[in-house]
């Protein structure tokens, strides 16, 4: 109708455009599909995470221990660090200065579906001199002494079993320690992946320390 006073004609408001609803209708199946995929991936991710186990091992200089174990099939990651000591967050200077009682060690993360703890230990033993209680190779002192740090009965049993096998094979007393697991403190960043980052220095150190020469003499 037309009101008095020259006002513009009154019109009912137009209905809202249907474009937004149409877009939402097209996107809804895609959103549902993405949600289903996300939910389906959760058990797989949890399963993959559940597969990860770790071992704490010491065989002298952690540069060498790390390099020896990183290429083992089933090993996912190897981190150099310190364990077995009294103080939290030790530094390299603390450890080499014998101030905290820590040893150089590595934390080996592995997939037990590909390599068992027993198998990992059997790859570990030939990387050290198990008859040396006062260090390893040219590195002397308890901070370089070899050890297997265990966190449960199964690991302790496997460590003892493989230690006995090594004694029978070598025909000599094995003095490598089997110790309860203690907090593991990752070493400084410049120690991580040292062999990969500094191949020439690493090779010079390893040769100069006589590591491989001693291993051939011990293991044949």
N, C-alpha and C. Protein backbone atom coordinates (compact mmCIF):
# COMPACT_ATOMS: atom_id res chain seq x y z
N UNK A 1 0.84 -1.18 0.00
CA UNK A 1 0.00 0.00 0.00
C UNK A 1 0.87 1.22 0.00
N UNK A 2 0.33 2.36 -0.19
CA UNK A 2 1.08 3.61 -0.19
C UNK A 2 0.54 4.45 0.96
N UNK A 3 1.41 4.81 1.89
CA UNK A 3 0.98 5.60 3.04
C UNK A 3 0.99 7.07 2.67
N UNK A 4 0.41 7.84 3.51
CA UNK A 4 0.39 9.26 3.26
C UNK A 4 1.73 9.92 3.47
N UNK A 5 1.87 11.14 3.03
CA UNK A 5 3.10 11.90 3.22
C UNK A 5 4.20 11.57 2.26
N UNK A 6 3.87 10.84 1.19
CA UNK A 6 4.87 10.59 0.15
C UNK A 6 5.92 9.57 0.52
N UNK A 7 5.66 8.71 1.51
CA UNK A 7 6.63 7.68 1.87
C UNK A 7 6.72 6.64 0.77
N UNK A 8 7.88 5.99 0.62
CA UNK A 8 8.01 4.96 -0.41
C UNK A 8 7.10 3.79 -0.13
N UNK A 9 6.77 3.04 -1.11
CA UNK A 9 5.86 1.91 -0.91
C UNK A 9 6.46 0.86 0.01
N UNK A 10 5.66 0.23 0.83
CA UNK A 10 6.10 -0.82 1.76
C UNK A 10 6.20 -2.14 1.02
N UNK A 11 7.35 -2.84 1.20
CA UNK A 11 7.55 -4.14 0.58
C UNK A 11 7.97 -5.15 1.63
N UNK A 12 7.51 -6.36 1.51
CA UNK A 12 7.94 -7.44 2.40
C UNK A 12 9.41 -7.77 2.14
N UNK A 13 10.20 -8.08 3.19
CA UNK A 13 11.62 -8.42 2.97
C UNK A 13 11.77 -9.68 2.11
N UNK A 14 12.78 -9.64 1.26
CA UNK A 14 13.04 -10.80 0.42
C UNK A 14 13.65 -11.94 1.25
N UNK A 15 13.37 -13.16 0.89
CA UNK A 15 13.98 -14.29 1.62
C UNK A 15 15.49 -14.30 1.43
N UNK A 16 16.21 -14.78 2.44
CA UNK A 16 17.68 -14.85 2.39
C UNK A 16 18.11 -15.71 1.21
N UNK A 17 19.22 -15.31 0.58
CA UNK A 17 19.69 -16.13 -0.57
C UNK A 17 20.03 -17.53 -0.12
N UNK A 18 19.85 -18.50 -1.00
CA UNK A 18 20.07 -19.90 -0.66
C UNK A 18 21.48 -20.37 -1.00
N UNK A 19 22.35 -19.41 -1.43
CA UNK A 19 23.70 -19.79 -1.85
C UNK A 19 24.47 -20.44 -0.71
N UNK A 20 24.42 -19.84 0.50
CA UNK A 20 25.15 -20.37 1.64
C UNK A 20 24.72 -21.80 1.96
N UNK A 21 23.43 -22.03 1.94
CA UNK A 21 22.94 -23.38 2.24
C UNK A 21 23.39 -24.38 1.18
N UNK A 22 23.42 -23.94 -0.04
CA UNK A 22 23.84 -24.84 -1.12
C UNK A 22 25.31 -25.21 -0.98
N UNK A 23 26.14 -24.23 -0.60
CA UNK A 23 27.57 -24.50 -0.40
C UNK A 23 27.77 -25.46 0.76
N UNK A 24 27.03 -25.23 1.83
CA UNK A 24 27.16 -26.10 2.99
C UNK A 24 26.73 -27.53 2.66
N UNK A 25 25.69 -27.65 1.81
CA UNK A 25 25.25 -28.98 1.42
C UNK A 25 26.33 -29.71 0.63
N UNK A 26 27.07 -28.97 -0.19
CA UNK A 26 28.12 -29.60 -0.98
C UNK A 26 29.34 -29.94 -0.12
N UNK A 27 29.62 -29.11 0.89
CA UNK A 27 30.80 -29.33 1.73
C UNK A 27 30.59 -30.39 2.79
N UNK A 28 29.35 -30.60 3.19
CA UNK A 28 29.08 -31.52 4.30
C UNK A 28 29.63 -32.92 4.06
N UNK A 29 29.43 -33.53 2.89
CA UNK A 29 30.01 -34.88 2.68
C UNK A 29 31.53 -34.88 2.80
N UNK A 30 32.19 -33.81 2.31
CA UNK A 30 33.64 -33.75 2.41
C UNK A 30 34.10 -33.63 3.85
N UNK A 31 33.38 -32.83 4.63
CA UNK A 31 33.72 -32.68 6.05
C UNK A 31 33.53 -34.00 6.79
N UNK A 32 32.44 -34.68 6.49
CA UNK A 32 32.20 -35.97 7.13
C UNK A 32 33.27 -36.98 6.75
N UNK A 33 33.68 -36.97 5.48
CA UNK A 33 34.73 -37.89 5.03
C UNK A 33 36.05 -37.60 5.74
N UNK A 34 36.39 -36.32 5.89
CA UNK A 34 37.62 -35.95 6.59
C UNK A 34 37.57 -36.38 8.05
N UNK A 35 36.40 -36.23 8.67
CA UNK A 35 36.25 -36.63 10.07
C UNK A 35 36.40 -38.13 10.22
N UNK A 36 35.81 -38.88 9.31
CA UNK A 36 35.92 -40.34 9.37
C UNK A 36 37.38 -40.77 9.20
N UNK A 37 38.09 -40.12 8.27
CA UNK A 37 39.50 -40.45 8.07
C UNK A 37 40.35 -40.14 9.29
N UNK A 38 40.05 -39.01 9.92
CA UNK A 38 40.79 -38.64 11.14
C UNK A 38 40.56 -39.65 12.25
N UNK A 39 39.31 -40.02 12.46
CA UNK A 39 39.00 -40.98 13.52
C UNK A 39 39.60 -42.34 13.22
N UNK A 40 39.63 -42.72 11.96
CA UNK A 40 40.20 -44.02 11.59
C UNK A 40 41.71 -44.05 11.81
N UNK A 41 42.35 -42.88 11.68
CA UNK A 41 43.82 -42.83 11.82
C UNK A 41 44.24 -42.88 13.28
N UNK A 42 43.35 -42.55 14.20
CA UNK A 42 43.74 -42.52 15.62
C UNK A 42 44.22 -43.86 16.13
N UNK A 43 43.51 -44.98 15.91
CA UNK A 43 44.03 -46.26 16.39
C UNK A 43 45.36 -46.63 15.76
N UNK A 44 45.54 -46.31 14.47
CA UNK A 44 46.81 -46.63 13.81
C UNK A 44 47.95 -45.85 14.43
N UNK A 45 47.70 -44.57 14.72
CA UNK A 45 48.74 -43.76 15.34
C UNK A 45 49.07 -44.27 16.74
N UNK A 46 48.03 -44.64 17.48
CA UNK A 46 48.26 -45.18 18.82
C UNK A 46 49.01 -46.49 18.75
N UNK A 47 48.69 -47.30 17.75
CA UNK A 47 49.37 -48.59 17.60
C UNK A 47 50.84 -48.39 17.25
N UNK A 48 51.09 -47.42 16.35
CA UNK A 48 52.49 -47.14 15.97
C UNK A 48 53.28 -46.65 17.16
N UNK A 49 52.65 -45.79 17.98
CA UNK A 49 53.33 -45.30 19.17
C UNK A 49 53.58 -46.42 20.16
N UNK A 50 52.62 -47.34 20.26
CA UNK A 50 52.77 -48.44 21.22
C UNK A 50 53.91 -49.37 20.82
N UNK A 51 54.29 -49.39 19.55
CA UNK A 51 55.34 -50.25 19.08
C UNK A 51 56.73 -49.80 19.56
N UNK A 52 56.85 -48.56 19.95
CA UNK A 52 58.16 -48.03 20.30
C UNK A 52 58.59 -48.49 21.69
N UNK A 53 59.79 -49.04 21.75
CA UNK A 53 60.42 -49.39 23.02
C UNK A 53 61.79 -48.73 23.05
N UNK A 54 62.42 -48.76 24.22
CA UNK A 54 63.74 -48.15 24.28
C UNK A 54 64.66 -48.97 25.18
N UNK A 55 65.95 -48.79 24.96
CA UNK A 55 66.98 -49.43 25.77
C UNK A 55 68.04 -48.37 26.09
N UNK A 56 68.63 -48.48 27.28
CA UNK A 56 69.72 -47.59 27.68
C UNK A 56 71.00 -48.40 27.74
N UNK A 57 71.97 -48.03 26.91
CA UNK A 57 73.19 -48.82 26.76
C UNK A 57 74.41 -47.91 26.80
N UNK A 58 75.50 -48.43 27.37
CA UNK A 58 76.75 -47.67 27.45
C UNK A 58 77.90 -48.55 26.97
N UNK A 59 78.74 -47.98 26.09
CA UNK A 59 79.91 -48.73 25.61
C UNK A 59 81.06 -47.77 25.34
N UNK A 60 81.30 -46.88 26.29
CA UNK A 60 82.37 -45.91 26.12
C UNK A 60 81.86 -44.65 25.47
N UNK A 61 82.67 -44.06 24.61
CA UNK A 61 82.31 -42.81 23.95
C UNK A 61 80.97 -42.93 23.23
N UNK A 62 80.03 -42.05 23.59
CA UNK A 62 78.69 -42.20 23.01
C UNK A 62 78.65 -41.83 21.53
N UNK A 63 79.64 -41.11 21.02
CA UNK A 63 79.68 -40.88 19.57
C UNK A 63 79.72 -42.22 18.83
N UNK A 64 80.55 -43.12 19.34
CA UNK A 64 80.73 -44.42 18.68
C UNK A 64 79.55 -45.34 18.91
N UNK A 65 79.05 -45.36 20.14
CA UNK A 65 77.89 -46.21 20.43
C UNK A 65 76.71 -45.82 19.55
N UNK A 66 76.48 -44.52 19.44
CA UNK A 66 75.40 -44.02 18.60
C UNK A 66 75.59 -44.43 17.14
N UNK A 67 76.80 -44.23 16.63
CA UNK A 67 77.06 -44.56 15.23
C UNK A 67 76.94 -46.06 14.97
N UNK A 68 77.38 -46.89 15.93
CA UNK A 68 77.32 -48.34 15.75
C UNK A 68 75.89 -48.87 15.72
N UNK A 69 74.97 -48.23 16.44
CA UNK A 69 73.62 -48.77 16.57
C UNK A 69 72.60 -48.11 15.66
N UNK A 70 72.90 -46.95 15.12
CA UNK A 70 71.91 -46.25 14.31
C UNK A 70 71.52 -47.01 13.05
N UNK A 71 72.43 -47.78 12.50
CA UNK A 71 72.13 -48.49 11.27
C UNK A 71 71.50 -49.85 11.46
N UNK A 72 71.25 -50.25 12.69
CA UNK A 72 70.68 -51.58 12.94
C UNK A 72 69.21 -51.59 12.49
N UNK A 73 68.79 -52.54 11.66
CA UNK A 73 67.39 -52.61 11.24
C UNK A 73 66.44 -52.71 12.45
N UNK A 74 65.41 -51.88 12.46
CA UNK A 74 64.47 -51.86 13.57
C UNK A 74 64.75 -50.76 14.57
N UNK A 75 65.95 -50.21 14.55
CA UNK A 75 66.28 -49.08 15.42
C UNK A 75 65.75 -47.81 14.78
N UNK A 76 64.97 -47.05 15.54
CA UNK A 76 64.32 -45.86 15.02
C UNK A 76 65.08 -44.58 15.34
N UNK A 77 65.77 -44.57 16.48
CA UNK A 77 66.47 -43.35 16.89
C UNK A 77 67.49 -43.71 17.96
N UNK A 78 68.61 -43.00 17.97
CA UNK A 78 69.62 -43.17 19.01
C UNK A 78 70.03 -41.78 19.49
N UNK A 79 69.95 -41.57 20.80
CA UNK A 79 70.28 -40.28 21.40
C UNK A 79 71.44 -40.45 22.36
N UNK A 80 72.45 -39.61 22.24
CA UNK A 80 73.58 -39.63 23.16
C UNK A 80 73.21 -38.89 24.44
N UNK A 81 73.71 -39.38 25.58
CA UNK A 81 73.39 -38.71 26.83
C UNK A 81 74.17 -39.28 28.00
N UNK A 82 73.66 -38.99 29.18
CA UNK A 82 74.32 -39.36 30.42
C UNK A 82 73.32 -40.06 31.35
N UNK A 83 73.80 -41.07 32.06
CA UNK A 83 72.92 -41.77 33.00
C UNK A 83 73.76 -42.42 34.09
N UNK A 84 73.06 -42.86 35.15
CA UNK A 84 73.74 -43.57 36.23
C UNK A 84 74.35 -42.67 37.29
N UNK A 85 74.08 -41.37 37.23
CA UNK A 85 74.70 -40.45 38.17
C UNK A 85 73.77 -39.91 39.23
N UNK A 86 74.29 -38.96 39.98
CA UNK A 86 73.57 -38.46 41.15
C UNK A 86 72.80 -37.16 40.89
N UNK A 87 73.31 -36.29 40.04
CA UNK A 87 72.74 -34.96 39.88
C UNK A 87 71.88 -34.88 38.62
N UNK A 88 70.84 -34.04 38.64
CA UNK A 88 70.05 -33.84 37.42
C UNK A 88 70.77 -32.93 36.43
N UNK A 89 70.43 -33.11 35.16
CA UNK A 89 70.94 -32.25 34.08
C UNK A 89 72.45 -32.07 34.09
N UNK A 90 73.20 -33.15 34.06
CA UNK A 90 74.66 -33.01 34.04
C UNK A 90 75.13 -32.45 32.69
N UNK A 91 76.27 -31.79 32.72
CA UNK A 91 76.89 -31.32 31.49
C UNK A 91 78.04 -32.26 31.13
N UNK A 92 78.55 -32.10 29.92
CA UNK A 92 79.68 -32.91 29.49
C UNK A 92 80.87 -32.68 30.42
N UNK A 93 81.09 -31.43 30.81
CA UNK A 93 82.20 -31.12 31.71
C UNK A 93 82.02 -31.80 33.07
N UNK A 94 80.78 -31.87 33.55
CA UNK A 94 80.52 -32.57 34.82
C UNK A 94 80.90 -34.05 34.71
N UNK A 95 80.52 -34.66 33.59
CA UNK A 95 80.71 -36.11 33.44
C UNK A 95 82.18 -36.45 33.25
N UNK A 96 82.86 -35.74 32.35
CA UNK A 96 84.27 -36.05 32.13
C UNK A 96 85.13 -35.64 33.33
N UNK A 97 84.61 -34.72 34.14
CA UNK A 97 85.32 -34.32 35.35
C UNK A 97 85.02 -35.21 36.55
N UNK A 98 84.22 -36.27 36.33
CA UNK A 98 83.89 -37.24 37.38
C UNK A 98 83.21 -36.58 38.58
N UNK A 99 82.39 -35.56 38.31
CA UNK A 99 81.75 -34.83 39.41
C UNK A 99 80.36 -35.36 39.76
N UNK A 100 79.74 -36.14 38.87
CA UNK A 100 78.34 -36.54 39.12
C UNK A 100 78.11 -38.05 39.11
N UNK A 101 79.10 -38.82 38.71
CA UNK A 101 78.95 -40.27 38.67
C UNK A 101 78.22 -40.80 37.46
N UNK A 102 77.95 -39.94 36.47
CA UNK A 102 77.26 -40.39 35.26
C UNK A 102 78.22 -41.11 34.31
N UNK A 103 77.63 -41.91 33.42
CA UNK A 103 78.37 -42.52 32.33
C UNK A 103 77.83 -41.98 31.01
N UNK A 104 78.69 -41.93 30.03
CA UNK A 104 78.21 -41.67 28.67
C UNK A 104 77.42 -42.89 28.23
N UNK A 105 76.25 -42.66 27.65
CA UNK A 105 75.37 -43.75 27.24
C UNK A 105 74.50 -43.28 26.09
N UNK A 106 73.69 -44.18 25.57
CA UNK A 106 72.73 -43.82 24.53
C UNK A 106 71.36 -44.39 24.89
N UNK A 107 70.33 -43.71 24.43
CA UNK A 107 68.97 -44.23 24.52
C UNK A 107 68.58 -44.67 23.12
N UNK A 108 68.32 -45.97 22.97
CA UNK A 108 67.99 -46.55 21.67
C UNK A 108 66.49 -46.77 21.60
N UNK A 109 65.82 -46.09 20.70
CA UNK A 109 64.39 -46.29 20.46
C UNK A 109 64.24 -47.27 19.30
N UNK A 110 63.47 -48.32 19.51
CA UNK A 110 63.38 -49.36 18.48
C UNK A 110 61.95 -49.88 18.37
N UNK A 111 61.70 -50.57 17.26
CA UNK A 111 60.40 -51.17 16.98
C UNK A 111 60.49 -52.66 17.34
N UNK A 112 59.85 -53.10 18.42
CA UNK A 112 59.97 -54.50 18.83
C UNK A 112 59.36 -55.49 17.85
N UNK A 113 58.57 -54.99 16.89
CA UNK A 113 58.06 -55.88 15.86
C UNK A 113 59.14 -56.22 14.84
N UNK A 114 60.19 -55.41 14.80
CA UNK A 114 61.27 -55.62 13.84
C UNK A 114 62.54 -56.15 14.51
N UNK A 115 62.76 -55.77 15.74
CA UNK A 115 63.93 -56.25 16.47
C UNK A 115 63.57 -56.35 17.95
N UNK A 116 63.85 -57.48 18.56
CA UNK A 116 63.53 -57.67 19.97
C UNK A 116 64.65 -57.09 20.83
N UNK A 117 64.38 -56.98 22.11
CA UNK A 117 65.40 -56.48 23.03
C UNK A 117 66.60 -57.43 23.05
N UNK A 118 66.35 -58.73 23.06
CA UNK A 118 67.44 -59.71 23.02
C UNK A 118 68.30 -59.53 21.77
N UNK A 119 67.65 -59.36 20.63
CA UNK A 119 68.39 -59.19 19.39
C UNK A 119 69.19 -57.89 19.39
N UNK A 120 68.61 -56.85 19.97
CA UNK A 120 69.33 -55.58 20.07
C UNK A 120 70.59 -55.75 20.92
N UNK A 121 70.48 -56.47 22.03
CA UNK A 121 71.65 -56.70 22.88
C UNK A 121 72.72 -57.50 22.13
N UNK A 122 72.30 -58.44 21.33
CA UNK A 122 73.28 -59.25 20.58
C UNK A 122 73.98 -58.42 19.50
N UNK A 123 73.35 -57.35 19.06
CA UNK A 123 74.04 -56.42 18.16
C UNK A 123 74.92 -55.44 18.95
N UNK A 124 74.57 -55.22 20.20
CA UNK A 124 75.31 -54.27 21.04
C UNK A 124 76.62 -54.85 21.55
N UNK A 125 76.61 -56.11 22.01
CA UNK A 125 77.79 -56.67 22.64
C UNK A 125 79.05 -56.58 21.77
N UNK A 126 79.01 -56.89 20.48
CA UNK A 126 80.24 -56.84 19.68
C UNK A 126 80.77 -55.43 19.43
N UNK A 127 80.06 -54.39 19.91
CA UNK A 127 80.55 -53.02 19.73
C UNK A 127 81.41 -52.56 20.91
N UNK A 128 81.65 -53.45 21.89
CA UNK A 128 82.40 -53.04 23.08
C UNK A 128 83.38 -54.14 23.48
N UNK A 129 84.28 -53.78 24.39
CA UNK A 129 85.20 -54.76 24.99
C UNK A 129 84.61 -55.13 26.35
N UNK A 130 83.93 -56.27 26.44
CA UNK A 130 83.24 -56.63 27.68
C UNK A 130 84.17 -57.12 28.79
N UNK A 131 85.46 -57.17 28.51
CA UNK A 131 86.42 -57.60 29.53
C UNK A 131 87.10 -56.43 30.23
N UNK A 132 86.75 -55.22 29.85
CA UNK A 132 87.38 -54.01 30.39
C UNK A 132 86.41 -53.32 31.36
N UNK A 133 86.77 -53.27 32.63
CA UNK A 133 85.89 -52.68 33.64
C UNK A 133 86.22 -51.22 33.93
N UNK A 134 87.31 -50.71 33.38
CA UNK A 134 87.78 -49.37 33.76
C UNK A 134 87.65 -48.35 32.64
N UNK A 135 86.79 -48.62 31.68
CA UNK A 135 86.61 -47.71 30.56
C UNK A 135 86.44 -48.51 29.29
N UNK A 136 86.62 -47.84 28.18
CA UNK A 136 86.54 -48.52 26.89
C UNK A 136 87.59 -47.91 25.96
N UNK A 137 88.46 -48.81 25.46
CA UNK A 137 89.45 -48.43 24.46
C UNK A 137 90.37 -47.34 25.05
N UNK A 138 90.54 -46.21 24.36
CA UNK A 138 91.48 -45.21 24.89
C UNK A 138 90.85 -44.33 25.96
N UNK A 139 89.55 -44.42 26.13
CA UNK A 139 88.85 -43.58 27.12
C UNK A 139 88.78 -44.31 28.45
N UNK A 140 89.46 -43.76 29.44
CA UNK A 140 89.56 -44.44 30.72
C UNK A 140 88.71 -43.73 31.78
N UNK A 141 88.28 -44.52 32.76
CA UNK A 141 87.47 -43.97 33.84
C UNK A 141 86.08 -44.57 33.84
N UNK A 142 85.44 -44.53 35.01
CA UNK A 142 84.12 -45.15 35.15
C UNK A 142 83.06 -44.45 34.30
N UNK A 143 83.29 -43.21 33.95
CA UNK A 143 82.31 -42.52 33.10
C UNK A 143 82.28 -43.10 31.68
N UNK A 144 83.29 -43.91 31.34
CA UNK A 144 83.33 -44.58 30.04
C UNK A 144 83.11 -46.09 30.16
N UNK A 145 82.84 -46.59 31.34
CA UNK A 145 82.67 -48.04 31.52
C UNK A 145 81.37 -48.50 30.86
N UNK A 146 81.42 -49.69 30.28
CA UNK A 146 80.26 -50.24 29.59
C UNK A 146 79.21 -50.72 30.59
N UNK A 147 77.94 -50.63 30.19
CA UNK A 147 76.84 -51.07 31.06
C UNK A 147 75.56 -51.24 30.26
N UNK A 148 74.69 -52.09 30.78
CA UNK A 148 73.33 -52.22 30.28
C UNK A 148 72.41 -51.80 31.42
N UNK A 149 71.60 -50.78 31.18
CA UNK A 149 70.69 -50.27 32.21
C UNK A 149 69.30 -50.84 31.94
N UNK A 150 68.78 -51.61 32.90
CA UNK A 150 67.53 -52.34 32.69
C UNK A 150 66.42 -51.72 33.53
N UNK A 151 65.19 -51.80 33.01
CA UNK A 151 64.07 -51.19 33.74
C UNK A 151 63.03 -52.20 34.21
N UNK A 152 63.20 -53.48 33.89
CA UNK A 152 62.25 -54.48 34.36
C UNK A 152 62.92 -55.85 34.37
N UNK A 153 62.20 -56.85 34.86
CA UNK A 153 62.77 -58.19 34.98
C UNK A 153 63.11 -58.80 33.63
N UNK A 154 62.25 -58.53 32.64
CA UNK A 154 62.49 -59.11 31.32
C UNK A 154 63.81 -58.59 30.73
N UNK A 155 64.05 -57.30 30.87
CA UNK A 155 65.31 -56.75 30.37
C UNK A 155 66.50 -57.29 31.16
N UNK A 156 66.35 -57.39 32.47
CA UNK A 156 67.45 -57.92 33.29
C UNK A 156 67.75 -59.37 32.90
N UNK A 157 66.72 -60.15 32.68
CA UNK A 157 66.92 -61.55 32.30
C UNK A 157 67.62 -61.64 30.94
N UNK A 158 67.19 -60.82 29.98
CA UNK A 158 67.82 -60.83 28.66
C UNK A 158 69.28 -60.38 28.75
N UNK A 159 69.55 -59.37 29.57
CA UNK A 159 70.92 -58.89 29.72
C UNK A 159 71.81 -59.97 30.33
N UNK A 160 71.31 -60.64 31.37
CA UNK A 160 72.09 -61.69 32.02
C UNK A 160 72.32 -62.88 31.08
N UNK A 161 71.29 -63.23 30.32
CA UNK A 161 71.41 -64.36 29.39
C UNK A 161 72.45 -64.07 28.32
N UNK A 162 72.36 -62.89 27.70
CA UNK A 162 73.32 -62.58 26.64
C UNK A 162 74.72 -62.38 27.20
N UNK A 163 74.83 -61.88 28.42
CA UNK A 163 76.15 -61.74 29.06
C UNK A 163 76.79 -63.12 29.23
N UNK A 164 76.00 -64.09 29.68
CA UNK A 164 76.52 -65.45 29.84
C UNK A 164 76.94 -66.04 28.49
N UNK A 165 76.17 -65.76 27.44
CA UNK A 165 76.54 -66.23 26.10
C UNK A 165 77.87 -65.65 25.66
N UNK A 166 78.09 -64.36 25.96
CA UNK A 166 79.35 -63.72 25.58
C UNK A 166 80.52 -64.34 26.34
N UNK A 167 80.33 -64.63 27.62
CA UNK A 167 81.40 -65.27 28.40
C UNK A 167 81.77 -66.63 27.80
N UNK A 168 80.77 -67.40 27.41
CA UNK A 168 81.06 -68.70 26.81
C UNK A 168 81.77 -68.54 25.47
N UNK A 169 81.36 -67.57 24.71
CA UNK A 169 81.98 -67.36 23.40
C UNK A 169 83.43 -66.91 23.53
N UNK A 170 83.69 -65.98 24.44
CA UNK A 170 85.04 -65.43 24.57
C UNK A 170 85.94 -66.28 25.46
N UNK A 171 85.33 -67.08 26.33
CA UNK A 171 86.11 -67.87 27.27
C UNK A 171 86.81 -67.02 28.30
N UNK A 172 86.25 -65.86 28.57
CA UNK A 172 86.83 -64.93 29.54
C UNK A 172 85.71 -64.31 30.36
N UNK A 173 86.06 -63.78 31.53
CA UNK A 173 85.06 -63.16 32.39
C UNK A 173 84.59 -61.84 31.78
N UNK A 174 83.28 -61.67 31.73
CA UNK A 174 82.68 -60.44 31.22
C UNK A 174 82.36 -59.54 32.42
N UNK A 175 82.87 -58.32 32.38
CA UNK A 175 82.72 -57.41 33.53
C UNK A 175 81.76 -56.27 33.26
N UNK A 176 81.09 -56.29 32.12
CA UNK A 176 80.11 -55.25 31.80
C UNK A 176 78.99 -55.26 32.83
N UNK A 177 78.68 -54.10 33.37
CA UNK A 177 77.66 -54.00 34.43
C UNK A 177 76.25 -54.14 33.87
N UNK A 178 75.38 -54.75 34.66
CA UNK A 178 73.94 -54.74 34.43
C UNK A 178 73.33 -54.00 35.61
N UNK A 179 72.78 -52.83 35.35
CA UNK A 179 72.37 -51.91 36.41
C UNK A 179 70.91 -51.48 36.25
N UNK A 180 70.25 -51.11 37.35
CA UNK A 180 68.89 -50.59 37.22
C UNK A 180 68.89 -49.27 36.45
N UNK A 181 67.87 -49.08 35.66
CA UNK A 181 67.76 -47.84 34.90
C UNK A 181 67.63 -46.64 35.83
N UNK A 182 68.33 -45.57 35.50
CA UNK A 182 68.22 -44.29 36.20
C UNK A 182 67.89 -43.22 35.17
N UNK A 183 67.54 -42.01 35.60
CA UNK A 183 67.18 -40.98 34.61
C UNK A 183 68.25 -40.79 33.54
N UNK A 184 67.79 -40.65 32.32
CA UNK A 184 68.69 -40.43 31.18
C UNK A 184 68.58 -38.98 30.77
N UNK A 185 69.72 -38.32 30.67
CA UNK A 185 69.77 -36.91 30.33
C UNK A 185 70.43 -36.76 28.96
N UNK A 186 69.70 -36.30 27.94
CA UNK A 186 70.32 -36.11 26.62
C UNK A 186 71.52 -35.17 26.71
N UNK A 187 72.54 -35.51 25.94
CA UNK A 187 73.74 -34.67 25.91
C UNK A 187 73.50 -33.41 25.09
N UNK A 188 74.47 -32.53 25.12
CA UNK A 188 74.40 -31.28 24.39
C UNK A 188 74.21 -31.53 22.89
N UNK A 189 73.62 -30.56 22.20
CA UNK A 189 73.27 -30.73 20.79
C UNK A 189 74.47 -31.08 19.93
N UNK A 190 75.64 -30.54 20.24
CA UNK A 190 76.79 -30.79 19.37
C UNK A 190 77.29 -32.22 19.47
N UNK A 191 76.84 -32.97 20.48
CA UNK A 191 77.21 -34.38 20.58
C UNK A 191 76.29 -35.29 19.76
N UNK A 192 75.09 -34.82 19.44
CA UNK A 192 74.12 -35.66 18.75
C UNK A 192 74.52 -35.85 17.28
N UNK A 193 74.42 -37.10 16.80
CA UNK A 193 74.75 -37.42 15.41
C UNK A 193 76.15 -36.92 15.05
N UNK A 194 77.08 -37.07 15.98
CA UNK A 194 78.41 -36.50 15.78
C UNK A 194 79.11 -37.12 14.57
N UNK A 195 79.01 -38.41 14.41
CA UNK A 195 79.68 -39.07 13.29
C UNK A 195 79.15 -38.58 11.95
N UNK A 196 77.87 -38.29 11.89
CA UNK A 196 77.27 -37.81 10.64
C UNK A 196 77.64 -36.36 10.37
N UNK A 197 77.66 -35.54 11.41
CA UNK A 197 77.93 -34.12 11.24
C UNK A 197 79.42 -33.82 11.09
N UNK A 198 80.27 -34.65 11.68
CA UNK A 198 81.71 -34.41 11.68
C UNK A 198 82.45 -35.68 11.27
N UNK A 199 82.25 -36.15 10.05
CA UNK A 199 82.79 -37.46 9.67
C UNK A 199 84.31 -37.56 9.76
N UNK A 200 85.03 -36.51 9.39
CA UNK A 200 86.49 -36.58 9.42
C UNK A 200 87.00 -36.62 10.86
N UNK A 201 86.49 -35.74 11.69
CA UNK A 201 86.91 -35.73 13.11
C UNK A 201 86.55 -37.04 13.78
N UNK A 202 85.35 -37.54 13.47
CA UNK A 202 84.93 -38.79 14.09
C UNK A 202 85.84 -39.95 13.66
N UNK A 203 86.14 -40.03 12.38
CA UNK A 203 86.99 -41.11 11.89
C UNK A 203 88.38 -41.02 12.50
N UNK A 204 88.91 -39.81 12.61
CA UNK A 204 90.23 -39.62 13.20
C UNK A 204 90.23 -40.05 14.66
N UNK A 205 89.19 -39.66 15.39
CA UNK A 205 89.09 -40.04 16.81
C UNK A 205 88.98 -41.56 16.94
N UNK A 206 88.10 -42.17 16.17
CA UNK A 206 87.86 -43.61 16.31
C UNK A 206 89.12 -44.41 15.99
N UNK A 207 89.81 -44.02 14.94
CA UNK A 207 91.04 -44.73 14.59
C UNK A 207 92.11 -44.51 15.65
N UNK A 208 92.25 -43.26 16.09
CA UNK A 208 93.26 -42.95 17.10
C UNK A 208 93.01 -43.63 18.42
N UNK A 209 91.74 -43.88 18.72
CA UNK A 209 91.38 -44.53 19.99
C UNK A 209 91.58 -46.04 19.91
N UNK A 210 91.77 -46.57 18.72
CA UNK A 210 92.00 -48.01 18.57
C UNK A 210 90.77 -48.86 18.80
N UNK A 211 89.62 -48.27 18.60
CA UNK A 211 88.37 -49.00 18.90
C UNK A 211 88.23 -50.25 18.03
N UNK A 212 88.31 -50.07 16.74
CA UNK A 212 88.10 -51.21 15.83
C UNK A 212 89.23 -52.23 15.95
N UNK A 213 90.43 -51.78 16.18
CA UNK A 213 91.56 -52.71 16.35
C UNK A 213 91.35 -53.58 17.59
N UNK A 214 90.89 -52.97 18.67
CA UNK A 214 90.63 -53.73 19.89
C UNK A 214 89.46 -54.69 19.70
N UNK A 215 88.43 -54.25 19.01
CA UNK A 215 87.27 -55.13 18.79
C UNK A 215 87.66 -56.36 17.98
N UNK A 216 88.51 -56.17 16.99
CA UNK A 216 88.96 -57.35 16.23
C UNK A 216 89.76 -58.30 17.09
N UNK A 217 90.58 -57.74 18.00
CA UNK A 217 91.37 -58.59 18.87
C UNK A 217 90.51 -59.36 19.87
N UNK A 218 89.44 -58.71 20.36
CA UNK A 218 88.56 -59.35 21.36
C UNK A 218 87.63 -60.35 20.72
N UNK A 219 87.02 -59.96 19.60
CA UNK A 219 85.95 -60.75 19.01
C UNK A 219 86.40 -61.62 17.84
N UNK A 220 87.56 -61.34 17.30
CA UNK A 220 88.04 -62.12 16.18
C UNK A 220 87.51 -61.65 14.85
